Amino acid sequence: MQEETQKLFDKICDPNEKEAFYFAEKLGKINTEEVKDKLIELVKGDNWEIAYLACKALAKTSFNNKALEAIFTAIRDKKNQKHQGAFVQVLEEFDLSESFVDIFRVYFLETLRPKH
């Protein structure tokens, strides 16, 4: 990975970085397979804030289907239960025309499931 790209990843993973959204947007504009794979890895990670920033970055890429697959998985992941709304909100930035079933599951079935 290029040094400049790695610096951008370091910035979005830094909890003290005040401009993390800006750096996430810059990452999304790089739009390479390598960046996509690293962003998806972050979406699957344990830190929901970094995962959210990775989702925002993925929204800027051309990898709509792969990004949505990772985001829908994050929405359903129990570890993200308290933060599902943030991940759902990110969906506004994607082309969802081929994701009707996933959208249905998120908006209707997930909201009807009792929370424990």
PDB file of N, CA and C in Angstrom:
ATOM      1  N   MET A   1       0.843  -1.174   0.000  1.00  0.00           N
ATOM      2  CA  MET A   1       0.000   0.000   0.000  1.00  0.00           C
ATOM      3  C   MET A   1       0.891   1.241   0.000  1.00  0.00           C
ATOM      4  N   GLN A   2       0.517   2.224  -0.758  1.00  0.00           N
ATOM      5  CA  GLN A   2       1.300   3.447  -0.824  1.00  0.00           C
ATOM      6  C   GLN A   2       1.334   4.144   0.526  1.00  0.00           C
ATOM      7  N   GLU A   3       2.418   4.822   0.771  1.00  0.00           N
ATOM      8  CA  GLU A   3       2.604   5.500   2.056  1.00  0.00           C
ATOM      9  C   GLU A   3       1.508   6.535   2.311  1.00  0.00           C
ATOM     10  N   GLU A   4       1.144   7.286   1.292  1.00  0.00           N
ATOM     11  CA  GLU A   4       0.111   8.321   1.453  1.00  0.00           C
ATOM     12  C   GLU A   4      -1.237   7.686   1.805  1.00  0.00           C
ATOM     13  N   THR A   5      -1.565   6.580   1.156  1.00  0.00           N
ATOM     14  CA  THR A   5      -2.809   5.870   1.445  1.00  0.00           C
ATOM     15  C   THR A   5      -2.795   5.337   2.868  1.00  0.00           C
ATOM     16  N   GLN A   6      -1.690   4.779   3.294  1.00  0.00           N
ATOM     17  CA  GLN A   6      -1.575   4.268   4.661  1.00  0.00           C
ATOM     18  C   GLN A   6      -1.759   5.396   5.675  1.00  0.00           C
ATOM     19  N   LYS A   7      -1.244   6.573   5.368  1.00  0.00           N
ATOM     20  CA  LYS A   7      -1.415   7.726   6.268  1.00  0.00           C
ATOM     21  C   LYS A   7      -2.885   8.090   6.402  1.00  0.00           C
ATOM     22  N   LEU A   8      -3.628   7.989   5.312  1.00  0.00           N
ATOM     23  CA  LEU A   8      -5.064   8.272   5.368  1.00  0.00           C
ATOM     24  C   LEU A   8      -5.785   7.250   6.243  1.00  0.00           C
ATOM     25  N   PHE A   9      -5.415   5.980   6.106  1.00  0.00           N
ATOM     26  CA  PHE A   9      -6.001   4.954   6.968  1.00  0.00           C
ATOM     27  C   PHE A   9      -5.652   5.210   8.433  1.00  0.00           C
ATOM     28  N   ASP A  10      -4.406   5.597   8.684  1.00  0.00           N
ATOM     29  CA  ASP A  10      -3.994   5.913  10.057  1.00  0.00           C
ATOM     30  C   ASP A  10      -4.836   7.058  10.623  1.00  0.00           C
ATOM     31  N   LYS A  11      -5.137   8.033   9.784  1.00  0.00           N
ATOM     32  CA  LYS A  11      -5.925   9.196  10.228  1.00  0.00           C
ATOM     33  C   LYS A  11      -7.352   8.792  10.601  1.00  0.00           C
ATOM     34  N   ILE A  12      -7.988   7.948   9.786  1.00  0.00           N
ATOM     35  CA  ILE A  12      -9.375   7.600  10.125  1.00  0.00           C
ATOM     36  C   ILE A  12      -9.445   6.635  11.307  1.00  0.00           C
ATOM     37  N   CYS A  13      -8.344   5.968  11.598  1.00  0.00           N
ATOM     38  CA  CYS A  13      -8.313   5.042  12.740  1.00  0.00           C
ATOM     39  C   CYS A  13      -7.840   5.714  14.030  1.00  0.00           C
ATOM     40  N   ASP A  14      -7.442   6.957  13.944  1.00  0.00           N
ATOM     41  CA  ASP A  14      -6.954   7.705  15.108  1.00  0.00           C
ATOM     42  C   ASP A  14      -8.144   8.316  15.850  1.00  0.00           C
ATOM     43  N   PRO A  15      -8.412   7.875  17.091  1.00  0.00           N
ATOM     44  CA  PRO A  15      -9.570   8.391  17.829  1.00  0.00           C
ATOM     45  C   PRO A  15      -9.473   9.875  18.163  1.00  0.00           C
ATOM     46  N   ASN A  16      -8.285  10.450  18.069  1.00  0.00           N
ATOM     47  CA  ASN A  16      -8.104  11.870  18.363  1.00  0.00           C
ATOM     48  C   ASN A  16      -8.140  12.756  17.124  1.00  0.00           C
ATOM     49  N   GLU A  17      -8.304  12.152  15.968  1.00  0.00           N
ATOM     50  CA  GLU A  17      -8.312  12.913  14.712  1.00  0.00           C
ATOM     51  C   GLU A  17      -9.652  13.633  14.542  1.00  0.00           C
ATOM     52  N   LYS A  18      -9.606  14.927  14.494  1.00  0.00           N
ATOM     53  CA  LYS A  18     -10.831  15.730  14.390  1.00  0.00           C
ATOM     54  C   LYS A  18     -11.354  15.821  12.949  1.00  0.00           C
ATOM     55  N   GLU A  19     -10.505  15.553  11.984  1.00  0.00           N
ATOM     56  CA  GLU A  19     -10.882  15.650  10.574  1.00  0.00           C
ATOM     57  C   GLU A  19     -11.047  14.264   9.936  1.00  0.00           C
ATOM     58  N   ALA A  20     -11.444  13.279  10.716  1.00  0.00           N
ATOM     59  CA  ALA A  20     -11.529  11.905  10.221  1.00  0.00           C
ATOM     60  C   ALA A  20     -12.487  11.786   9.036  1.00  0.00           C
ATOM     61  N   PHE A  21     -13.592  12.516   9.029  1.00  0.00           N
ATOM     62  CA  PHE A  21     -14.527  12.441   7.909  1.00  0.00           C
ATOM     63  C   PHE A  21     -13.871  12.916   6.613  1.00  0.00           C
ATOM     64  N   TYR A  22     -13.091  13.948   6.711  1.00  0.00           N
ATOM     65  CA  TYR A  22     -12.372  14.476   5.552  1.00  0.00           C
ATOM     66  C   TYR A  22     -11.418  13.422   4.979  1.00  0.00           C
ATOM     67  N   PHE A  23     -10.688  12.757   5.858  1.00  0.00           N
ATOM     68  CA  PHE A  23      -9.733  11.745   5.408  1.00  0.00           C
ATOM     69  C   PHE A  23     -10.447  10.504   4.859  1.00  0.00           C
ATOM     70  N   ALA A  24     -11.607  10.176   5.411  1.00  0.00           N
ATOM     71  CA  ALA A  24     -12.397   9.059   4.883  1.00  0.00           C
ATOM     72  C   ALA A  24     -12.854   9.373   3.461  1.00  0.00           C
ATOM     73  N   GLU A  25     -13.264  10.600   3.234  1.00  0.00           N
ATOM     74  CA  GLU A  25     -13.686  11.001   1.894  1.00  0.00           C
ATOM     75  C   GLU A  25     -12.516  10.911   0.899  1.00  0.00           C
ATOM     76  N   LYS A  26     -11.342  11.326   1.339  1.00  0.00           N
ATOM     77  CA  LYS A  26     -10.158  11.231   0.474  1.00  0.00           C
ATOM     78  C   LYS A  26      -9.843   9.781   0.132  1.00  0.00           C
ATOM     79  N   LEU A  27      -9.992   8.883   1.116  1.00  0.00           N
ATOM     80  CA  LEU A  27      -9.754   7.458   0.854  1.00  0.00           C
ATOM     81  C   LEU A  27     -10.734   6.929  -0.188  1.00  0.00           C
ATOM     82  N   GLY A  28     -11.988   7.338  -0.067  1.00  0.00           N
ATOM     83  CA  GLY A  28     -12.998   6.871  -1.010  1.00  0.00           C
ATOM     84  C   GLY A  28     -12.714   7.293  -2.432  1.00  0.00           C
ATOM     85  N   LYS A  29     -12.058   8.401  -2.590  1.00  0.00           N
ATOM     86  CA  LYS A  29     -11.742   8.894  -3.937  1.00  0.00           C
ATOM     87  C   LYS A  29     -10.573   8.141  -4.573  1.00  0.00           C
ATOM     88  N   ILE A  30      -9.816   7.420  -3.781  1.00  0.00           N
ATOM     89  CA  ILE A  30      -8.699   6.641  -4.339  1.00  0.00           C
ATOM     90  C   ILE A  30      -9.238   5.490  -5.184  1.00  0.00           C
ATOM     91  N   ASN A  31     -10.292   4.818  -4.702  1.00  0.00           N
ATOM     92  CA  ASN A  31     -11.077   3.891  -5.507  1.00  0.00           C
ATOM     93  C   ASN A  31     -10.272   2.758  -6.144  1.00  0.00           C
ATOM     94  N   THR A  32      -9.424   2.106  -5.362  1.00  0.00           N
ATOM     95  CA  THR A  32      -8.690   0.939  -5.860  1.00  0.00           C
ATOM     96  C   THR A  32      -9.173  -0.301  -5.119  1.00  0.00           C
ATOM     97  N   GLU A  33      -8.874  -1.448  -5.688  1.00  0.00           N
ATOM     98  CA  GLU A  33      -9.231  -2.728  -5.051  1.00  0.00           C
ATOM     99  C   GLU A  33      -8.594  -2.838  -3.670  1.00  0.00           C
ATOM    100  N   GLU A  34      -7.354  -2.436  -3.574  1.00  0.00           N
ATOM    101  CA  GLU A  34      -6.617  -2.526  -2.315  1.00  0.00           C
ATOM    102  C   GLU A  34      -7.279  -1.672  -1.232  1.00  0.00           C
ATOM    103  N   VAL A  35      -7.665  -0.462  -1.574  1.00  0.00           N
ATOM    104  CA  VAL A  35      -8.334   0.425  -0.617  1.00  0.00           C
ATOM    105  C   VAL A  35      -9.701  -0.148  -0.257  1.00  0.00           C
ATOM    106  N   LYS A  36     -10.436  -0.635  -1.264  1.00  0.00           N
ATOM    107  CA  LYS A  36     -11.748  -1.239  -1.006  1.00  0.00           C
ATOM    108  C   LYS A  36     -11.630  -2.388  -0.013  1.00  0.00           C
ATOM    109  N   ASP A  37     -10.669  -3.266  -0.231  1.00  0.00           N
ATOM    110  CA  ASP A  37     -10.499  -4.422   0.650  1.00  0.00           C
ATOM    111  C   ASP A  37     -10.185  -3.998   2.078  1.00  0.00           C
ATOM    112  N   LYS A  38      -9.328  -3.008   2.238  1.00  0.00           N
ATOM    113  CA  LYS A  38      -8.968  -2.516   3.575  1.00  0.00           C
ATOM    114  C   LYS A  38     -10.170  -1.846   4.237  1.00  0.00           C
ATOM    115  N   LEU A  39     -10.943  -1.079   3.481  1.00  0.00           N
ATOM    116  CA  LEU A  39     -12.138  -0.432   4.034  1.00  0.00           C
ATOM    117  C   LEU A  39     -13.158  -1.472   4.489  1.00  0.00           C
ATOM    118  N   ILE A  40     -13.356  -2.501   3.688  1.00  0.00           N
ATOM    119  CA  ILE A  40     -14.299  -3.563   4.062  1.00  0.00           C
ATOM    120  C   ILE A  40     -13.808  -4.283   5.313  1.00  0.00           C
ATOM    121  N   GLU A  41     -12.515  -4.481   5.413  1.00  0.00           N
ATOM    122  CA  GLU A  41     -11.930  -5.076   6.620  1.00  0.00           C
ATOM    123  C   GLU A  41     -12.252  -4.207   7.850  1.00  0.00           C
ATOM    124  N   LEU A  42     -12.178  -2.898   7.690  1.00  0.00           N
ATOM    125  CA  LEU A  42     -12.498  -1.988   8.801  1.00  0.00           C
ATOM    126  C   LEU A  42     -13.989  -2.020   9.140  1.00  0.00           C
ATOM    127  N   VAL A  43     -14.835  -2.160   8.122  1.00  0.00           N
ATOM    128  CA  VAL A  43     -16.285  -2.259   8.369  1.00  0.00           C
ATOM    129  C   VAL A  43     -16.576  -3.478   9.235  1.00  0.00           C
ATOM    130  N   LYS A  44     -15.838  -4.540   9.032  1.00  0.00           N
ATOM    131  CA  LYS A  44     -16.041  -5.779   9.782  1.00  0.00           C
ATOM    132  C   LYS A  44     -15.361  -5.765  11.153  1.00  0.00           C
ATOM    133  N   GLY A  45     -14.601  -4.718  11.439  1.00  0.00           N
ATOM    134  CA  GLY A  45     -13.833  -4.644  12.675  1.00  0.00           C
ATOM    135  C   GLY A  45     -14.688  -4.405  13.910  1.00  0.00           C
ATOM    136  N   ASP A  46     -14.027  -4.278  15.041  1.00  0.00           N
ATOM    137  CA  ASP A  46     -14.713  -4.153  16.331  1.00  0.00           C
ATOM    138  C   ASP A  46     -15.039  -2.724  16.734  1.00  0.00           C
ATOM    139  N   ASN A  47     -14.456  -1.737  16.072  1.00  0.00           N
ATOM    140  CA  ASN A  47     -14.701  -0.347  16.439  1.00  0.00           C
ATOM    141  C   ASN A  47     -15.753   0.225  15.506  1.00  0.00           C
ATOM    142  N   TRP A  48     -16.953   0.473  16.032  1.00  0.00           N
ATOM    143  CA  TRP A  48     -18.057   0.907  15.179  1.00  0.00           C
ATOM    144  C   TRP A  48     -17.801   2.280  14.561  1.00  0.00           C
ATOM    145  N   GLU A  49     -17.084   3.144  15.242  1.00  0.00           N
ATOM    146  CA  GLU A  49     -16.831   4.480  14.694  1.00  0.00           C
ATOM    147  C   GLU A  49     -15.916   4.407  13.469  1.00  0.00           C
ATOM    148  N   ILE A  50     -14.899   3.574  13.554  1.00  0.00           N
ATOM    149  CA  ILE A  50     -14.010   3.378  12.407  1.00  0.00           C
ATOM    150  C   ILE A  50     -14.779   2.673  11.288  1.00  0.00           C
ATOM    151  N   ALA A  51     -15.607   1.707  11.647  1.00  0.00           N
ATOM    152  CA  ALA A  51     -16.420   1.006  10.649  1.00  0.00           C
ATOM    153  C   ALA A  51     -17.339   1.990   9.923  1.00  0.00           C
ATOM    154  N   TYR A  52     -17.911   2.910  10.667  1.00  0.00           N
ATOM    155  CA  TYR A  52     -18.795   3.921  10.075  1.00  0.00           C
ATOM    156  C   TYR A  52     -18.022   4.803   9.092  1.00  0.00           C
ATOM    157  N   LEU A  53     -16.831   5.239   9.494  1.00  0.00           N
ATOM    158  CA  LEU A  53     -15.999   6.046   8.592  1.00  0.00           C
ATOM    159  C   LEU A  53     -15.630   5.262   7.337  1.00  0.00           C
ATOM    160  N   ALA A  54     -15.358   3.980   7.499  1.00  0.00           N
ATOM    161  CA  ALA A  54     -15.048   3.128   6.346  1.00  0.00           C
ATOM    162  C   ALA A  54     -16.267   3.033   5.420  1.00  0.00           C
ATOM    163  N   CYS A  55     -17.453   2.952   5.989  1.00  0.00           N
ATOM    164  CA  CYS A  55     -18.684   2.935   5.182  1.00  0.00           C
ATOM    165  C   CYS A  55     -18.821   4.228   4.388  1.00  0.00           C
ATOM    166  N   LYS A  56     -18.547   5.342   5.047  1.00  0.00           N
ATOM    167  CA  LYS A  56     -18.623   6.643   4.371  1.00  0.00           C
ATOM    168  C   LYS A  56     -17.625   6.692   3.207  1.00  0.00           C
ATOM    169  N   ALA A  57     -16.435   6.151   3.428  1.00  0.00           N
ATOM    170  CA  ALA A  57     -15.431   6.120   2.368  1.00  0.00           C
ATOM    171  C   ALA A  57     -15.891   5.219   1.219  1.00  0.00           C
ATOM    172  N   LEU A  58     -16.439   4.069   1.556  1.00  0.00           N
ATOM    173  CA  LEU A  58     -16.909   3.134   0.532  1.00  0.00           C
ATOM    174  C   LEU A  58     -18.018   3.750  -0.322  1.00  0.00           C
ATOM    175  N   ALA A  59     -18.788   4.639   0.253  1.00  0.00           N
ATOM    176  CA  ALA A  59     -19.854   5.302  -0.498  1.00  0.00           C
ATOM    177  C   ALA A  59     -19.305   6.139  -1.647  1.00  0.00           C
ATOM    178  N   LYS A  60     -18.064   6.541  -1.549  1.00  0.00           N
ATOM    179  CA  LYS A  60     -17.431   7.364  -2.592  1.00  0.00           C
ATOM    180  C   LYS A  60     -16.799   6.513  -3.689  1.00  0.00           C
ATOM    181  N   THR A  61     -16.731   5.209  -3.495  1.00  0.00           N
ATOM    182  CA  THR A  61     -16.076   4.328  -4.458  1.00  0.00           C
ATOM    183  C   THR A  61     -17.077   3.796  -5.484  1.00  0.00           C
ATOM    184  N   SER A  62     -16.576   3.058  -6.428  1.00  0.00           N
ATOM    185  CA  SER A  62     -17.431   2.427  -7.442  1.00  0.00           C
ATOM    186  C   SER A  62     -17.777   0.984  -7.083  1.00  0.00           C
ATOM    187  N   PHE A  63     -17.421   0.568  -5.877  1.00  0.00           N
ATOM    188  CA  PHE A  63     -17.626  -0.824  -5.458  1.00  0.00           C
ATOM    189  C   PHE A  63     -18.932  -0.987  -4.691  1.00  0.00           C
ATOM    190  N   ASN A  64     -20.037  -0.597  -5.307  1.00  0.00           N
ATOM    191  CA  ASN A  64     -21.335  -0.549  -4.647  1.00  0.00           C
ATOM    192  C   ASN A  64     -21.751  -1.893  -4.051  1.00  0.00           C
ATOM    193  N   ASN A  65     -21.729  -2.972  -4.848  1.00  0.00           N
ATOM    194  CA  ASN A  65     -22.233  -4.262  -4.371  1.00  0.00           C
ATOM    195  C   ASN A  65     -21.415  -4.835  -3.219  1.00  0.00           C
ATOM    196  N   LYS A  66     -20.096  -4.826  -3.348  1.00  0.00           N
ATOM    197  CA  LYS A  66     -19.229  -5.354  -2.286  1.00  0.00           C
ATOM    198  C   LYS A  66     -19.364  -4.518  -1.019  1.00  0.00           C
ATOM    199  N   ALA A  67     -19.453  -3.203  -1.182  1.00  0.00           N
ATOM    200  CA  ALA A  67     -19.594  -2.317  -0.029  1.00  0.00           C
ATOM    201  C   ALA A  67     -20.920  -2.568   0.677  1.00  0.00           C
ATOM    202  N   LEU A  68     -21.991  -2.679  -0.079  1.00  0.00           N
ATOM    203  CA  LEU A  68     -23.305  -2.913   0.523  1.00  0.00           C
ATOM    204  C   LEU A  68     -23.358  -4.246   1.252  1.00  0.00           C
ATOM    205  N   GLU A  69     -22.745  -5.245   0.675  1.00  0.00           N
ATOM    206  CA  GLU A  69     -22.696  -6.563   1.324  1.00  0.00           C
ATOM    207  C   GLU A  69     -22.070  -6.445   2.717  1.00  0.00           C
ATOM    208  N   ALA A  70     -20.973  -5.723   2.812  1.00  0.00           N
ATOM    209  CA  ALA A  70     -20.286  -5.537   4.096  1.00  0.00           C
ATOM    210  C   ALA A  70     -21.130  -4.699   5.056  1.00  0.00           C
ATOM    211  N   ILE A  71     -21.784  -3.688   4.545  1.00  0.00           N
ATOM    212  CA  ILE A  71     -22.586  -2.806   5.402  1.00  0.00           C
ATOM    213  C   ILE A  71     -23.810  -3.534   5.942  1.00  0.00           C
ATOM    214  N   PHE A  72     -24.490  -4.292   5.093  1.00  0.00           N
ATOM    215  CA  PHE A  72     -25.644  -5.056   5.573  1.00  0.00           C
ATOM    216  C   PHE A  72     -25.214  -6.079   6.627  1.00  0.00           C
ATOM    217  N   THR A  73     -24.053  -6.660   6.452  1.00  0.00           N
ATOM    218  CA  THR A  73     -23.531  -7.589   7.463  1.00  0.00           C
ATOM    219  C   THR A  73     -23.276  -6.848   8.771  1.00  0.00           C
ATOM    220  N   ALA A  74     -22.708  -5.653   8.686  1.00  0.00           N
ATOM    221  CA  ALA A  74     -22.448  -4.853   9.895  1.00  0.00           C
ATOM    222  C   ALA A  74     -23.750  -4.469  10.585  1.00  0.00           C
ATOM    223  N   ILE A  75     -24.777  -4.161   9.815  1.00  0.00           N
ATOM    224  CA  ILE A  75     -26.071  -3.794  10.398  1.00  0.00           C
ATOM    225  C   ILE A  75     -26.642  -4.966  11.185  1.00  0.00           C
ATOM    226  N   ARG A  76     -26.504  -6.172  10.656  1.00  0.00           N
ATOM    227  CA  ARG A  76     -27.060  -7.352  11.317  1.00  0.00           C
ATOM    228  C   ARG A  76     -26.193  -7.893  12.452  1.00  0.00           C
ATOM    229  N   ASP A  77     -24.961  -7.460  12.529  1.00  0.00           N
ATOM    230  CA  ASP A  77     -24.029  -7.962  13.535  1.00  0.00           C
ATOM    231  C   ASP A  77     -24.446  -7.477  14.928  1.00  0.00           C
ATOM    232  N   LYS A  78     -24.597  -8.408  15.856  1.00  0.00           N
ATOM    233  CA  LYS A  78     -25.049  -8.073  17.209  1.00  0.00           C
ATOM    234  C   LYS A  78     -24.131  -7.081  17.920  1.00  0.00           C
ATOM    235  N   LYS A  79     -22.838  -7.107  17.589  1.00  0.00           N
ATOM    236  CA  LYS A  79     -21.922  -6.185  18.251  1.00  0.00           C
ATOM    237  C   LYS A  79     -22.228  -4.733  17.894  1.00  0.00           C
ATOM    238  N   ASN A  80     -22.933  -4.519  16.794  1.00  0.00           N
ATOM    239  CA  ASN A  80     -23.280  -3.169  16.353  1.00  0.00           C
ATOM    240  C   ASN A  80     -24.715  -2.781  16.690  1.00  0.00           C
ATOM    241  N   GLN A  81     -25.377  -3.577  17.496  1.00  0.00           N
ATOM    242  CA  GLN A  81     -26.793  -3.377  17.768  1.00  0.00           C
ATOM    243  C   GLN A  81     -27.109  -1.951  18.227  1.00  0.00           C
ATOM    244  N   LYS A  82     -26.300  -1.386  19.080  1.00  0.00           N
ATOM    245  CA  LYS A  82     -26.557  -0.044  19.596  1.00  0.00           C
ATOM    246  C   LYS A  82     -26.284   1.038  18.561  1.00  0.00           C
ATOM    247  N   HIS A  83     -25.602   0.670  17.475  1.00  0.00           N
ATOM    248  CA  HIS A  83     -25.191   1.658  16.481  1.00  0.00           C
ATOM    249  C   HIS A  83     -25.756   1.361  15.099  1.00  0.00           C
ATOM    250  N   GLN A  84     -26.772   0.504  15.044  1.00  0.00           N
ATOM    251  CA  GLN A  84     -27.341   0.128  13.753  1.00  0.00           C
ATOM    252  C   GLN A  84     -27.834   1.348  12.979  1.00  0.00           C
ATOM    253  N   GLY A  85     -28.374   2.309  13.681  1.00  0.00           N
ATOM    254  CA  GLY A  85     -28.911   3.505  13.021  1.00  0.00           C
ATOM    255  C   GLY A  85     -27.865   4.236  12.210  1.00  0.00           C
ATOM    256  N   ALA A  86     -26.655   4.308  12.712  1.00  0.00           N
ATOM    257  CA  ALA A  86     -25.574   4.986  11.982  1.00  0.00           C
ATOM    258  C   ALA A  86     -25.275   4.254  10.681  1.00  0.00           C
ATOM    259  N   PHE A  87     -25.238   2.927  10.742  1.00  0.00           N
ATOM    260  CA  PHE A  87     -24.954   2.147   9.537  1.00  0.00           C
ATOM    261  C   PHE A  87     -26.119   2.225   8.544  1.00  0.00           C
ATOM    262  N   VAL A  88     -27.336   2.226   9.062  1.00  0.00           N
ATOM    263  CA  VAL A  88     -28.504   2.342   8.187  1.00  0.00           C
ATOM    264  C   VAL A  88     -28.505   3.705   7.501  1.00  0.00           C
ATOM    265  N   GLN A  89     -28.144   4.739   8.231  1.00  0.00           N
ATOM    266  CA  GLN A  89     -28.121   6.088   7.674  1.00  0.00           C
ATOM    267  C   GLN A  89     -27.140   6.194   6.506  1.00  0.00           C
ATOM    268  N   VAL A  90     -26.045   5.481   6.572  1.00  0.00           N
ATOM    269  CA  VAL A  90     -25.044   5.507   5.496  1.00  0.00           C
ATOM    270  C   VAL A  90     -25.615   4.953   4.190  1.00  0.00           C
ATOM    271  N   LEU A  91     -26.620   4.098   4.283  1.00  0.00           N
ATOM    272  CA  LEU A  91     -27.197   3.503   3.075  1.00  0.00           C
ATOM    273  C   LEU A  91     -27.744   4.557   2.116  1.00  0.00           C
ATOM    274  N   GLU A  92     -28.083   5.734   2.618  1.00  0.00           N
ATOM    275  CA  GLU A  92     -28.592   6.818   1.769  1.00  0.00           C
ATOM    276  C   GLU A  92     -27.608   7.182   0.663  1.00  0.00           C
ATOM    277  N   GLU A  93     -26.350   6.918   0.873  1.00  0.00           N
ATOM    278  CA  GLU A  93     -25.312   7.337  -0.060  1.00  0.00           C
ATOM    279  C   GLU A  93     -25.011   6.296  -1.144  1.00  0.00           C
ATOM    280  N   PHE A  94     -25.752   5.197  -1.148  1.00  0.00           N
ATOM    281  CA  PHE A  94     -25.501   4.106  -2.084  1.00  0.00           C
ATOM    282  C   PHE A  94     -26.656   3.927  -3.061  1.00  0.00           C
ATOM    283  N   ASP A  95     -26.359   3.286  -4.174  1.00  0.00           N
ATOM    284  CA  ASP A  95     -27.380   2.870  -5.124  1.00  0.00           C
ATOM    285  C   ASP A  95     -27.986   1.578  -4.573  1.00  0.00           C
ATOM    286  N   LEU A  96     -29.221   1.658  -4.142  1.00  0.00           N
ATOM    287  CA  LEU A  96     -29.877   0.515  -3.509  1.00  0.00           C
ATOM    288  C   LEU A  96     -30.866  -0.180  -4.437  1.00  0.00           C
ATOM    289  N   SER A  97     -30.808   0.141  -5.714  1.00  0.00           N
ATOM    290  CA  SER A  97     -31.791  -0.376  -6.662  1.00  0.00           C
ATOM    291  C   SER A  97     -31.795  -1.904  -6.765  1.00  0.00           C
ATOM    292  N   GLU A  98     -30.701  -2.547  -6.430  1.00  0.00           N
ATOM    293  CA  GLU A  98     -30.655  -4.010  -6.493  1.00  0.00           C
ATOM    294  C   GLU A  98     -30.627  -4.648  -5.101  1.00  0.00           C
ATOM    295  N   SER A  99     -31.022  -3.889  -4.099  1.00  0.00           N
ATOM    296  CA  SER A  99     -30.938  -4.375  -2.716  1.00  0.00           C
ATOM    297  C   SER A  99     -32.283  -4.372  -2.015  1.00  0.00           C
ATOM    298  N   PHE A 100     -33.358  -4.569  -2.763  1.00  0.00           N
ATOM    299  CA  PHE A 100     -34.688  -4.488  -2.175  1.00  0.00           C
ATOM    300  C   PHE A 100     -34.865  -5.448  -1.000  1.00  0.00           C
ATOM    301  N   VAL A 101     -34.451  -6.681  -1.162  1.00  0.00           N
ATOM    302  CA  VAL A 101     -34.640  -7.680  -0.110  1.00  0.00           C
ATOM    303  C   VAL A 101     -33.865  -7.283   1.149  1.00  0.00           C
ATOM    304  N   ASP A 102     -32.639  -6.833   0.971  1.00  0.00           N
ATOM    305  CA  ASP A 102     -31.836  -6.403   2.120  1.00  0.00           C
ATOM    306  C   ASP A 102     -32.466  -5.205   2.811  1.00  0.00           C
ATOM    307  N   ILE A 103     -32.940  -4.256   2.031  1.00  0.00           N
ATOM    308  CA  ILE A 103     -33.597  -3.069   2.600  1.00  0.00           C
ATOM    309  C   ILE A 103     -34.846  -3.507   3.364  1.00  0.00           C
ATOM    310  N   PHE A 104     -35.624  -4.390   2.786  1.00  0.00           N
ATOM    311  CA  PHE A 104     -36.822  -4.898   3.446  1.00  0.00           C
ATOM    312  C   PHE A 104     -36.469  -5.515   4.792  1.00  0.00           C
ATOM    313  N   ARG A 105     -35.436  -6.347   4.802  1.00  0.00           N
ATOM    314  CA  ARG A 105     -35.008  -6.989   6.050  1.00  0.00           C
ATOM    315  C   ARG A 105     -34.611  -5.961   7.103  1.00  0.00           C
ATOM    316  N   VAL A 106     -33.865  -4.960   6.692  1.00  0.00           N
ATOM    317  CA  VAL A 106     -33.379  -3.954   7.641  1.00  0.00           C
ATOM    318  C   VAL A 106     -34.518  -3.110   8.179  1.00  0.00           C
ATOM    319  N   TYR A 107     -35.323  -2.559   7.304  1.00  0.00           N
ATOM    320  CA  TYR A 107     -36.326  -1.594   7.725  1.00  0.00           C
ATOM    321  C   TYR A 107     -37.579  -2.223   8.319  1.00  0.00           C
ATOM    322  N   PHE A 108     -37.913  -3.429   7.912  1.00  0.00           N
ATOM    323  CA  PHE A 108     -39.141  -4.009   8.419  1.00  0.00           C
ATOM    324  C   PHE A 108     -38.906  -5.147   9.396  1.00  0.00           C
ATOM    325  N   LEU A 109     -38.122  -6.112   9.031  1.00  0.00           N
ATOM    326  CA  LEU A 109     -37.936  -7.268   9.898  1.00  0.00           C
ATOM    327  C   LEU A 109     -37.090  -6.941  11.121  1.00  0.00           C
ATOM    328  N   GLU A 110     -36.017  -6.183  10.942  1.00  0.00           N
ATOM    329  CA  GLU A 110     -35.144  -5.853  12.074  1.00  0.00           C
ATOM    330  C   GLU A 110     -35.856  -4.951  13.083  1.00  0.00           C
ATOM    331  N   THR A 111     -36.708  -4.057  12.604  1.00  0.00           N
ATOM    332  CA  THR A 111     -37.398  -3.150  13.527  1.00  0.00           C
ATOM    333  C   THR A 111     -38.507  -3.867  14.289  1.00  0.00           C
ATOM    334  N   LEU A 112     -38.987  -4.980  13.757  1.00  0.00           N
ATOM    335  CA  LEU A 112     -40.037  -5.726  14.431  1.00  0.00           C
ATOM    336  C   LEU A 112     -39.495  -6.739  15.452  1.00  0.00           C
ATOM    337  N   ARG A 113     -38.220  -7.059  15.336  1.00  0.00           N
ATOM    338  CA  ARG A 113     -37.597  -8.019  16.249  1.00  0.00           C
ATOM    339  C   ARG A 113     -37.478  -7.403  17.638  1.00  0.00           C
ATOM    340  N   PRO A 114     -37.920  -8.118  18.667  1.00  0.00           N
ATOM    341  CA  PRO A 114     -37.796  -7.572  20.022  1.00  0.00           C
ATOM    342  C   PRO A 114     -36.334  -7.439  20.430  1.00  0.00           C
ATOM    343  N   LYS A 115     -36.011  -6.338  21.065  1.00  0.00           N
ATOM    344  CA  LYS A 115     -34.648  -6.107  21.554  1.00  0.00           C
ATOM    345  C   LYS A 115     -34.527  -6.692  22.962  1.00  0.00           C
ATOM    346  N   HIS A 116     -33.432  -7.382  23.216  1.00  0.00           N
ATOM    347  CA  HIS A 116     -33.216  -7.994  24.524  1.00  0.00           C
ATOM    348  C   HIS A 116     -32.238  -7.189  25.305  1.00  0.00           C
TER     349      HIS A 116
END
